[in-house]
Each structure stands twice: as C-alpha cells, then as structure tokens.
Amino acid sequence: NPNDTTAPNAPTGVAKTSSTQTSLSLSWAASTDNVGTTGYTVYVNGTASSAASATSRTVSGLSCGSTYTVGVDAYDAAGNHSAPTTTTMSTSACPDTTAPSAPTNLQRTSSTSTSLALSWTASTDNVGVTGYTLYVNGTQVGTTTGTSMSATGLACGTTYTVAVDAFDAAANHSPKVS
C-alpha cells in the first residue's frame, strides 16, 4: 500500500537463545503494524546482517569470545522500518590452546625406602592451571591440584627419574620438568 506511512512497532524481548564460538542465535516477540509486518532486519554492531521473516535468527561469521551489539527492527510491505531494539550478546569463549608454563624448582622434600615426596613452584596459564601430573620413569603415577605430591610403592636402593608437568582445563600440558 503506497499510502502506508506507519512503521511497525519495534520488536520486543530481543534475547540470545544460544551461541557458539562464531555465531549467535536470537529471538524476539512479533511486532504489530497497522497493515501488517513483513519481516525483520537483524543488525550486528549497527550494520544490517540479515533479514528474517520469522521471530528468530542465527547470525554467523562472528569472532569467538567477543561482545556484539545486536539489533532487530520490523518492516512492512511499504518499506517502513520500526526503530531497532538493541541488546549486547557475546559469542562463546575462544578455545584455550595455550599450555601452562612449566613448573619450576622441582625438588625432593623427603624420602623413605619406598617413597619420594616432591614439591615444585606453581605454574601460570592464560586461563588457569587445573593441576599437575607426576611421572616416575616416564609413567604417570598421579595428579594433584597442589604443588606437592608423593610417589609411593618404590623399591629401596633404586634410582628413579621423576618429572612433573602442569595442565589446564582444556588438557593443554606444559613441558615436563625433571
């Protein structure tokens, strides 16, 4: 209708329904218009991203761990657009591919004829160190969240090579320190 100069009502309830590392899914409540709402335009950081005829949309091609201003406006057949309704949404965190630093200052703190108690200086990580793995002669013998651990069940009078590494929640391991 060429005489239709009334824009639809702005969409309400714009909300994120899910996200991935590179996409945001959102939904909103339907708008009303004096003649009829034809569709919706989705904006990402102020730039029109896509059109939708339904009240939901997934926007892809985004960067992980980023916050975006997402807006939605409604339009009718005459090309009248409502004001956009905006909100901020974030994509899922980027994958953690950085290993923790290697533990330092590995030392024997005590020993018995069948065990060795060890300690070391804590590692650091870009997200967080989850724990440490202790190795005896190259074989994993246990893990701990602290900076000390004992190896037990050893044979008396035997020399062992011990090592420790740090790991994070994404299973990235530091180099072993022996």
N, C-alpha and C. Protein backbone atom coordinates (compact mmCIF):
# COMPACT_ATOMS: atom_id res chain seq x y z
N ASN A 1 0.84 -1.17 0.00
CA ASN A 1 0.00 0.00 0.00
C ASN A 1 0.89 1.24 0.00
N PRO A 2 0.88 2.01 -1.10
CA PRO A 2 1.77 3.19 -1.19
C PRO A 2 1.41 4.29 -0.21
N ASN A 3 0.19 4.28 0.32
CA ASN A 3 -0.22 5.31 1.28
C ASN A 3 0.12 4.93 2.72
N ASP A 4 0.72 3.75 2.93
CA ASP A 4 1.08 3.29 4.27
C ASP A 4 2.37 3.98 4.69
N THR A 5 2.26 4.88 5.64
CA THR A 5 3.44 5.58 6.13
C THR A 5 3.70 5.29 7.61
N THR A 6 2.96 4.34 8.14
CA THR A 6 3.12 3.99 9.56
C THR A 6 4.04 2.80 9.70
N ALA A 7 5.11 2.99 10.46
CA ALA A 7 6.07 1.90 10.69
C ALA A 7 5.51 0.92 11.72
N PRO A 8 5.94 -0.33 11.64
CA PRO A 8 5.53 -1.29 12.66
C PRO A 8 6.07 -0.90 14.03
N ASN A 9 5.52 -1.50 15.07
CA ASN A 9 6.07 -1.32 16.41
C ASN A 9 7.43 -1.99 16.45
N ALA A 10 8.32 -1.47 17.29
CA ALA A 10 9.65 -2.08 17.45
C ALA A 10 9.50 -3.46 18.09
N PRO A 11 10.31 -4.42 17.67
CA PRO A 11 10.27 -5.74 18.30
C PRO A 11 10.63 -5.62 19.78
N THR A 12 10.10 -6.51 20.57
CA THR A 12 10.43 -6.52 22.00
C THR A 12 11.03 -7.87 22.36
N GLY A 13 11.66 -7.90 23.51
CA GLY A 13 12.17 -9.17 24.01
C GLY A 13 13.32 -9.76 23.22
N VAL A 14 14.13 -8.92 22.58
CA VAL A 14 15.28 -9.44 21.84
C VAL A 14 16.24 -10.09 22.83
N ALA A 15 16.52 -11.38 22.62
CA ALA A 15 17.36 -12.12 23.56
C ALA A 15 18.16 -13.20 22.85
N LYS A 16 19.33 -13.49 23.41
CA LYS A 16 20.16 -14.59 22.90
C LYS A 16 19.55 -15.90 23.35
N THR A 17 19.38 -16.83 22.42
CA THR A 17 18.87 -18.16 22.78
C THR A 17 20.00 -19.17 22.86
N SER A 18 21.08 -18.94 22.13
CA SER A 18 22.26 -19.80 22.22
C SER A 18 23.41 -19.11 21.50
N SER A 19 24.59 -19.69 21.68
CA SER A 19 25.76 -19.16 20.98
C SER A 19 26.76 -20.26 20.76
N THR A 20 27.62 -20.05 19.78
CA THR A 20 28.79 -20.88 19.56
C THR A 20 29.97 -19.93 19.55
N GLN A 21 31.14 -20.43 19.21
CA GLN A 21 32.30 -19.55 19.15
C GLN A 21 32.20 -18.57 17.99
N THR A 22 31.37 -18.87 16.98
CA THR A 22 31.31 -17.98 15.80
C THR A 22 29.89 -17.57 15.44
N SER A 23 28.89 -17.85 16.29
CA SER A 23 27.52 -17.47 15.95
C SER A 23 26.71 -17.13 17.19
N LEU A 24 25.64 -16.35 16.94
CA LEU A 24 24.68 -16.01 17.97
C LEU A 24 23.29 -16.34 17.44
N SER A 25 22.50 -17.03 18.23
CA SER A 25 21.10 -17.28 17.89
C SER A 25 20.26 -16.39 18.79
N LEU A 26 19.26 -15.72 18.20
CA LEU A 26 18.45 -14.81 18.97
C LEU A 26 16.98 -14.95 18.57
N SER A 27 16.13 -14.48 19.44
CA SER A 27 14.70 -14.47 19.16
C SER A 27 14.11 -13.18 19.72
N TRP A 28 12.86 -12.88 19.32
CA TRP A 28 12.19 -11.68 19.77
C TRP A 28 10.69 -11.89 19.63
N ALA A 29 9.93 -11.01 20.25
CA ALA A 29 8.46 -11.06 20.13
C ALA A 29 8.04 -10.37 18.84
N ALA A 30 6.98 -10.86 18.24
CA ALA A 30 6.48 -10.32 16.97
C ALA A 30 6.04 -8.86 17.13
N SER A 31 6.27 -8.08 16.09
CA SER A 31 5.83 -6.68 16.06
C SER A 31 4.45 -6.61 15.42
N THR A 32 3.77 -5.51 15.66
CA THR A 32 2.47 -5.27 15.02
C THR A 32 2.58 -4.05 14.12
N ASP A 33 1.69 -3.97 13.15
CA ASP A 33 1.67 -2.87 12.19
C ASP A 33 0.22 -2.62 11.82
N ASN A 34 -0.08 -1.39 11.39
CA ASN A 34 -1.46 -1.08 11.00
C ASN A 34 -1.90 -1.85 9.77
N VAL A 35 -0.98 -2.25 8.91
CA VAL A 35 -1.31 -3.05 7.72
C VAL A 35 -0.80 -4.48 7.88
N GLY A 36 0.42 -4.62 8.35
CA GLY A 36 0.99 -5.95 8.54
C GLY A 36 2.51 -5.91 8.49
N THR A 37 3.14 -6.61 9.41
CA THR A 37 4.59 -6.69 9.43
C THR A 37 5.03 -7.73 8.40
N THR A 38 6.01 -7.35 7.56
CA THR A 38 6.51 -8.24 6.52
C THR A 38 7.70 -9.04 7.00
N GLY A 39 8.59 -8.41 7.77
CA GLY A 39 9.79 -9.10 8.21
C GLY A 39 10.59 -8.27 9.18
N TYR A 40 11.80 -8.74 9.43
CA TYR A 40 12.68 -8.13 10.42
C TYR A 40 14.09 -8.04 9.84
N THR A 41 14.80 -6.99 10.21
CA THR A 41 16.20 -6.86 9.85
C THR A 41 17.02 -7.02 11.12
N VAL A 42 18.05 -7.85 11.05
CA VAL A 42 18.95 -8.06 12.19
C VAL A 42 20.23 -7.28 11.91
N TYR A 43 20.66 -6.50 12.89
CA TYR A 43 21.85 -5.68 12.79
C TYR A 43 22.90 -6.18 13.78
N VAL A 44 24.16 -6.20 13.36
CA VAL A 44 25.26 -6.53 14.23
C VAL A 44 26.21 -5.33 14.24
N ASN A 45 26.39 -4.76 15.42
CA ASN A 45 27.20 -3.54 15.57
C ASN A 45 26.77 -2.45 14.60
N GLY A 46 25.46 -2.31 14.41
CA GLY A 46 24.90 -1.24 13.59
C GLY A 46 24.82 -1.52 12.10
N THR A 47 25.34 -2.63 11.64
CA THR A 47 25.32 -2.97 10.22
C THR A 47 24.29 -4.07 9.98
N ALA A 48 23.44 -3.87 8.96
CA ALA A 48 22.44 -4.88 8.64
C ALA A 48 23.14 -6.19 8.31
N SER A 49 22.75 -7.24 9.00
CA SER A 49 23.38 -8.54 8.82
C SER A 49 22.53 -9.46 7.97
N SER A 50 21.23 -9.50 8.26
CA SER A 50 20.35 -10.40 7.53
C SER A 50 18.90 -10.01 7.77
N ALA A 51 18.05 -10.55 6.93
CA ALA A 51 16.61 -10.35 7.08
C ALA A 51 16.00 -11.65 7.55
N ALA A 52 14.89 -11.53 8.24
CA ALA A 52 14.19 -12.71 8.74
C ALA A 52 12.70 -12.49 8.61
N SER A 53 12.00 -13.54 8.23
CA SER A 53 10.54 -13.43 8.19
C SER A 53 9.94 -13.95 9.49
N ALA A 54 10.67 -14.79 10.21
CA ALA A 54 10.22 -15.32 11.50
C ALA A 54 10.80 -14.48 12.62
N THR A 55 10.50 -14.84 13.86
CA THR A 55 10.97 -14.07 15.01
C THR A 55 12.20 -14.70 15.67
N SER A 56 13.05 -15.28 14.84
CA SER A 56 14.32 -15.80 15.34
C SER A 56 15.32 -15.82 14.18
N ARG A 57 16.58 -15.82 14.55
CA ARG A 57 17.62 -15.80 13.53
C ARG A 57 18.94 -16.21 14.15
N THR A 58 19.80 -16.83 13.36
CA THR A 58 21.17 -17.11 13.77
C THR A 58 22.09 -16.28 12.89
N VAL A 59 22.98 -15.55 13.53
CA VAL A 59 23.97 -14.73 12.84
C VAL A 59 25.30 -15.45 12.98
N SER A 60 25.97 -15.70 11.86
CA SER A 60 27.24 -16.43 11.91
C SER A 60 28.38 -15.58 11.37
N GLY A 61 29.58 -16.16 11.34
CA GLY A 61 30.75 -15.45 10.86
C GLY A 61 31.31 -14.48 11.88
N LEU A 62 31.04 -14.70 13.15
CA LEU A 62 31.49 -13.81 14.21
C LEU A 62 32.79 -14.33 14.83
N SER A 63 33.40 -13.54 15.67
CA SER A 63 34.64 -13.93 16.35
C SER A 63 34.34 -14.49 17.73
N CYS A 64 35.10 -15.48 18.12
CA CYS A 64 34.90 -16.10 19.43
C CYS A 64 35.24 -15.12 20.55
N GLY A 65 34.56 -15.31 21.68
CA GLY A 65 34.84 -14.52 22.86
C GLY A 65 34.64 -13.04 22.68
N SER A 66 33.71 -12.64 21.80
CA SER A 66 33.50 -11.22 21.51
C SER A 66 32.08 -10.80 21.87
N THR A 67 31.94 -9.53 22.22
CA THR A 67 30.64 -8.96 22.54
C THR A 67 30.18 -8.10 21.38
N TYR A 68 28.92 -8.28 21.01
CA TYR A 68 28.33 -7.55 19.88
C TYR A 68 27.07 -6.83 20.32
N THR A 69 26.81 -5.68 19.70
CA THR A 69 25.52 -5.02 19.86
C THR A 69 24.64 -5.54 18.74
N VAL A 70 23.57 -6.22 19.12
CA VAL A 70 22.67 -6.83 18.15
C VAL A 70 21.34 -6.09 18.22
N GLY A 71 20.83 -5.72 17.06
CA GLY A 71 19.55 -5.02 16.99
C GLY A 71 18.61 -5.70 16.02
N VAL A 72 17.33 -5.49 16.23
CA VAL A 72 16.30 -6.03 15.34
C VAL A 72 15.27 -4.94 15.12
N ASP A 73 14.93 -4.69 13.85
CA ASP A 73 13.80 -3.80 13.57
C ASP A 73 12.77 -4.57 12.75
N ALA A 74 11.57 -4.04 12.70
CA ALA A 74 10.49 -4.65 11.92
C ALA A 74 10.19 -3.74 10.73
N TYR A 75 9.80 -4.34 9.62
CA TYR A 75 9.41 -3.53 8.46
C TYR A 75 8.12 -4.09 7.86
N ASP A 76 7.44 -3.22 7.12
CA ASP A 76 6.20 -3.63 6.47
C ASP A 76 6.39 -3.61 4.96
N ALA A 77 5.35 -3.97 4.22
CA ALA A 77 5.43 -4.09 2.75
C ALA A 77 5.73 -2.76 2.08
N ALA A 78 5.41 -1.64 2.74
CA ALA A 78 5.68 -0.32 2.17
C ALA A 78 7.11 0.14 2.44
N GLY A 79 7.89 -0.67 3.15
CA GLY A 79 9.28 -0.32 3.44
C GLY A 79 9.46 0.54 4.67
N ASN A 80 8.43 0.66 5.49
CA ASN A 80 8.54 1.41 6.73
C ASN A 80 9.23 0.53 7.77
N HIS A 81 10.26 1.08 8.40
CA HIS A 81 11.02 0.33 9.41
C HIS A 81 10.75 0.91 10.79
N SER A 82 10.61 0.04 11.77
CA SER A 82 10.49 0.48 13.16
C SER A 82 11.87 0.91 13.65
N ALA A 83 11.89 1.50 14.83
CA ALA A 83 13.17 1.74 15.49
C ALA A 83 13.74 0.37 15.86
N PRO A 84 15.06 0.19 15.82
CA PRO A 84 15.60 -1.10 16.22
C PRO A 84 15.59 -1.26 17.75
N THR A 85 15.43 -2.47 18.18
CA THR A 85 15.58 -2.82 19.58
C THR A 85 16.95 -3.49 19.68
N THR A 86 17.82 -2.98 20.55
CA THR A 86 19.19 -3.50 20.61
C THR A 86 19.50 -4.06 22.00
N THR A 87 20.45 -4.95 22.01
CA THR A 87 20.99 -5.52 23.23
C THR A 87 22.40 -6.00 22.94
N THR A 88 23.17 -6.30 23.96
CA THR A 88 24.50 -6.84 23.73
C THR A 88 24.48 -8.35 23.97
N MET A 89 25.25 -9.05 23.16
CA MET A 89 25.36 -10.50 23.24
C MET A 89 26.80 -10.89 22.99
N SER A 90 27.22 -11.99 23.60
CA SER A 90 28.60 -12.46 23.43
C SER A 90 28.62 -13.86 22.85
N THR A 91 29.60 -14.08 21.97
CA THR A 91 29.83 -15.43 21.45
C THR A 91 30.54 -16.24 22.52
N SER A 92 30.57 -17.54 22.35
CA SER A 92 31.25 -18.43 23.29
C SER A 92 32.74 -18.14 23.30
N ALA A 93 33.37 -18.48 24.40
CA ALA A 93 34.80 -18.22 24.58
C ALA A 93 35.64 -18.91 23.51
N CYS A 94 36.76 -18.31 23.23
CA CYS A 94 37.71 -18.90 22.29
C CYS A 94 38.31 -20.17 22.90
N PRO A 95 38.71 -21.11 22.05
CA PRO A 95 39.32 -22.31 22.60
C PRO A 95 40.67 -21.98 23.26
N ASP A 96 40.94 -22.66 24.34
CA ASP A 96 42.21 -22.47 25.05
C ASP A 96 43.23 -23.42 24.46
N THR A 97 44.19 -22.86 23.75
CA THR A 97 45.23 -23.68 23.12
C THR A 97 46.61 -23.39 23.71
N THR A 98 46.65 -22.58 24.75
CA THR A 98 47.93 -22.21 25.36
C THR A 98 48.19 -23.09 26.58
N ALA A 99 49.31 -23.76 26.57
CA ALA A 99 49.70 -24.62 27.69
C ALA A 99 50.20 -23.77 28.85
N PRO A 100 50.06 -24.27 30.07
CA PRO A 100 50.65 -23.57 31.21
C PRO A 100 52.18 -23.53 31.10
N SER A 101 52.78 -22.65 31.87
CA SER A 101 54.24 -22.65 31.95
C SER A 101 54.67 -23.91 32.69
N ALA A 102 55.90 -24.31 32.46
CA ALA A 102 56.43 -25.49 33.14
C ALA A 102 56.63 -25.19 34.63
N PRO A 103 56.34 -26.14 35.50
CA PRO A 103 56.64 -25.93 36.91
C PRO A 103 58.16 -25.71 37.07
N THR A 104 58.54 -25.05 38.11
CA THR A 104 59.96 -24.81 38.38
C THR A 104 60.30 -25.30 39.77
N ASN A 105 61.59 -25.38 40.03
CA ASN A 105 62.11 -25.70 41.36
C ASN A 105 61.62 -27.06 41.87
N LEU A 106 61.59 -28.05 40.98
CA LEU A 106 61.21 -29.40 41.40
C LEU A 106 62.28 -29.93 42.35
N GLN A 107 61.85 -30.37 43.52
CA GLN A 107 62.81 -30.88 44.50
C GLN A 107 62.21 -31.97 45.36
N ARG A 108 63.07 -32.85 45.82
CA ARG A 108 62.67 -33.88 46.77
C ARG A 108 62.61 -33.23 48.15
N THR A 109 61.48 -33.38 48.82
CA THR A 109 61.36 -32.79 50.16
C THR A 109 61.60 -33.82 51.25
N SER A 110 61.37 -35.09 50.93
CA SER A 110 61.69 -36.17 51.88
C SER A 110 61.63 -37.49 51.13
N SER A 111 62.14 -38.53 51.77
CA SER A 111 62.06 -39.85 51.15
C SER A 111 62.09 -40.91 52.24
N THR A 112 61.55 -42.07 51.88
CA THR A 112 61.65 -43.26 52.72
C THR A 112 62.25 -44.33 51.82
N SER A 113 62.33 -45.54 52.30
CA SER A 113 62.89 -46.60 51.46
C SER A 113 61.98 -46.95 50.29
N THR A 114 60.68 -46.55 50.36
CA THR A 114 59.75 -46.90 49.27
C THR A 114 58.96 -45.71 48.73
N SER A 115 59.34 -44.49 49.11
CA SER A 115 58.59 -43.33 48.61
C SER A 115 59.47 -42.10 48.48
N LEU A 116 59.01 -41.18 47.65
CA LEU A 116 59.65 -39.88 47.46
C LEU A 116 58.58 -38.81 47.58
N ALA A 117 58.83 -37.79 48.39
CA ALA A 117 57.93 -36.64 48.46
C ALA A 117 58.57 -35.51 47.68
N LEU A 118 57.80 -34.90 46.81
CA LEU A 118 58.32 -33.86 45.92
C LEU A 118 57.49 -32.58 46.06
N SER A 119 58.12 -31.46 45.75
CA SER A 119 57.40 -30.18 45.68
C SER A 119 57.97 -29.38 44.53
N TRP A 120 57.24 -28.38 44.09
CA TRP A 120 57.65 -27.52 42.99
C TRP A 120 56.95 -26.18 43.10
N THR A 121 57.41 -25.23 42.32
CA THR A 121 56.81 -23.90 42.28
C THR A 121 55.69 -23.90 41.25
N ALA A 122 54.58 -23.25 41.59
CA ALA A 122 53.38 -23.25 40.76
C ALA A 122 53.63 -22.70 39.36
N SER A 123 52.89 -23.23 38.41
CA SER A 123 52.91 -22.76 37.03
C SER A 123 51.86 -21.66 36.85
N THR A 124 51.92 -20.98 35.71
CA THR A 124 50.91 -19.98 35.36
C THR A 124 50.31 -20.36 34.02
N ASP A 125 49.11 -19.85 33.75
CA ASP A 125 48.42 -20.14 32.50
C ASP A 125 47.56 -18.94 32.12
N ASN A 126 47.26 -18.79 30.84
CA ASN A 126 46.44 -17.66 30.40
C ASN A 126 45.00 -17.76 30.90
N VAL A 127 44.51 -18.96 31.19
CA VAL A 127 43.16 -19.14 31.73
C VAL A 127 43.23 -19.61 33.17
N GLY A 128 44.02 -20.62 33.44
CA GLY A 128 44.17 -21.13 34.80
C GLY A 128 44.75 -22.52 34.81
N VAL A 129 45.65 -22.77 35.72
CA VAL A 129 46.22 -24.10 35.89
C VAL A 129 45.21 -24.95 36.66
N THR A 130 44.92 -26.14 36.13
CA THR A 130 43.98 -27.05 36.78
C THR A 130 44.70 -28.00 37.71
N GLY A 131 45.89 -28.44 37.33
CA GLY A 131 46.62 -29.39 38.17
C GLY A 131 47.97 -29.75 37.61
N TYR A 132 48.57 -30.76 38.23
CA TYR A 132 49.92 -31.21 37.88
C TYR A 132 49.91 -32.73 37.77
N THR A 133 50.73 -33.25 36.87
CA THR A 133 50.88 -34.69 36.70
C THR A 133 52.28 -35.07 37.14
N LEU A 134 52.38 -36.13 37.94
CA LEU A 134 53.67 -36.64 38.39
C LEU A 134 54.00 -37.90 37.61
N TYR A 135 55.24 -37.98 37.14
CA TYR A 135 55.72 -39.13 36.37
C TYR A 135 56.92 -39.74 37.09
N VAL A 136 56.98 -41.06 37.12
CA VAL A 136 58.14 -41.77 37.63
C VAL A 136 58.63 -42.68 36.51
N ASN A 137 59.88 -42.48 36.10
CA ASN A 137 60.47 -43.21 34.97
C ASN A 137 59.58 -43.13 33.73
N GLY A 138 58.99 -41.96 33.50
CA GLY A 138 58.19 -41.71 32.31
C GLY A 138 56.76 -42.17 32.38
N THR A 139 56.35 -42.81 33.46
CA THR A 139 54.98 -43.30 33.62
C THR A 139 54.22 -42.41 34.59
N GLN A 140 53.02 -42.01 34.19
CA GLN A 140 52.19 -41.17 35.06
C GLN A 140 51.81 -41.97 36.30
N VAL A 141 52.04 -41.36 37.48
CA VAL A 141 51.69 -42.04 38.73
C VAL A 141 50.58 -41.32 39.49
N GLY A 142 50.17 -40.15 39.03
CA GLY A 142 49.08 -39.46 39.70
C GLY A 142 49.02 -37.99 39.32
N THR A 143 47.94 -37.36 39.77
CA THR A 143 47.77 -35.92 39.54
C THR A 143 47.39 -35.27 40.86
N THR A 144 47.61 -33.98 40.92
CA THR A 144 47.26 -33.20 42.11
C THR A 144 46.93 -31.78 41.69
N THR A 145 46.16 -31.10 42.52
CA THR A 145 45.89 -29.69 42.27
C THR A 145 46.87 -28.81 43.03
N GLY A 146 47.63 -29.39 43.93
CA GLY A 146 48.61 -28.64 44.72
C GLY A 146 49.98 -28.65 44.08
N THR A 147 50.96 -28.20 44.84
CA THR A 147 52.33 -28.13 44.34
C THR A 147 53.25 -29.09 45.08
N SER A 148 52.68 -30.20 45.51
CA SER A 148 53.50 -31.26 46.11
C SER A 148 52.76 -32.58 45.95
N MET A 149 53.55 -33.66 45.94
CA MET A 149 52.95 -34.98 45.78
C MET A 149 54.00 -36.01 46.14
N SER A 150 53.54 -37.19 46.52
CA SER A 150 54.46 -38.29 46.85
C SER A 150 54.29 -39.41 45.84
N ALA A 151 55.40 -40.03 45.51
CA ALA A 151 55.40 -41.26 44.72
C ALA A 151 55.67 -42.39 45.70
N THR A 152 54.78 -43.38 45.72
CA THR A 152 54.91 -44.48 46.68
C THR A 152 55.06 -45.80 45.94
N GLY A 153 55.32 -46.85 46.69
CA GLY A 153 55.46 -48.18 46.11
C GLY A 153 56.76 -48.37 45.35
N LEU A 154 57.78 -47.62 45.71
CA LEU A 154 59.07 -47.69 45.03
C LEU A 154 59.95 -48.76 45.70
N ALA A 155 60.96 -49.20 44.98
CA ALA A 155 61.89 -50.20 45.52
C ALA A 155 63.06 -49.49 46.20
N CYS A 156 63.44 -49.97 47.36
CA CYS A 156 64.53 -49.32 48.08
C CYS A 156 65.85 -49.49 47.33
N GLY A 157 66.70 -48.49 47.46
CA GLY A 157 68.01 -48.53 46.83
C GLY A 157 67.99 -48.39 45.32
N THR A 158 66.89 -47.92 44.75
CA THR A 158 66.76 -47.78 43.30
C THR A 158 66.72 -46.30 42.94
N THR A 159 67.34 -45.95 41.83
CA THR A 159 67.32 -44.57 41.35
C THR A 159 66.15 -44.41 40.38
N TYR A 160 65.38 -43.35 40.57
CA TYR A 160 64.21 -43.08 39.73
C TYR A 160 64.36 -41.71 39.08
N THR A 161 63.81 -41.59 37.89
CA THR A 161 63.69 -40.29 37.23
C THR A 161 62.26 -39.82 37.45
N VAL A 162 62.12 -38.68 38.09
CA VAL A 162 60.79 -38.12 38.36
C VAL A 162 60.64 -36.85 37.55
N ALA A 163 59.40 -36.58 37.16
CA ALA A 163 59.09 -35.37 36.39
C ALA A 163 57.69 -34.92 36.75
N VAL A 164 57.43 -33.66 36.50
CA VAL A 164 56.10 -33.10 36.74
C VAL A 164 55.78 -32.15 35.59
N ASP A 165 54.50 -32.10 35.20
CA ASP A 165 54.05 -31.09 34.25
C ASP A 165 52.77 -30.46 34.80
N ALA A 166 52.39 -29.33 34.22
CA ALA A 166 51.16 -28.63 34.61
C ALA A 166 50.16 -28.79 33.47
N PHE A 167 48.86 -28.82 33.82
CA PHE A 167 47.83 -28.88 32.78
C PHE A 167 46.70 -27.93 33.13
N ASP A 168 45.95 -27.54 32.09
CA ASP A 168 44.80 -26.65 32.29
C ASP A 168 43.51 -27.39 31.96
N ALA A 169 42.38 -26.73 32.09
CA ALA A 169 41.08 -27.37 31.89
C ALA A 169 40.87 -27.84 30.45
N ALA A 170 41.61 -27.27 29.50
CA ALA A 170 41.49 -27.69 28.10
C ALA A 170 42.46 -28.82 27.77
N ALA A 171 43.09 -29.41 28.79
CA ALA A 171 44.03 -30.54 28.64
C ALA A 171 45.32 -30.15 27.92
N ASN A 172 45.70 -28.89 27.97
CA ASN A 172 47.00 -28.46 27.48
C ASN A 172 48.02 -28.75 28.58
N HIS A 173 49.11 -29.43 28.22
CA HIS A 173 50.15 -29.77 29.19
C HIS A 173 51.41 -28.96 28.92
N SER A 174 52.04 -28.52 30.00
CA SER A 174 53.32 -27.83 29.90
C SER A 174 54.40 -28.86 29.58
N PRO A 175 55.61 -28.41 29.25
CA PRO A 175 56.72 -29.34 29.17
C PRO A 175 56.95 -29.98 30.54
N LYS A 176 57.45 -31.20 30.54
CA LYS A 176 57.79 -31.89 31.80
C LYS A 176 59.09 -31.31 32.34
N VAL A 177 59.13 -31.21 33.65
CA VAL A 177 60.34 -30.78 34.35
C VAL A 177 60.79 -31.95 35.20
N SER A 178 62.08 -32.32 35.10
CA SER A 178 62.57 -33.44 35.90
C SER A 178 63.74 -33.00 36.76
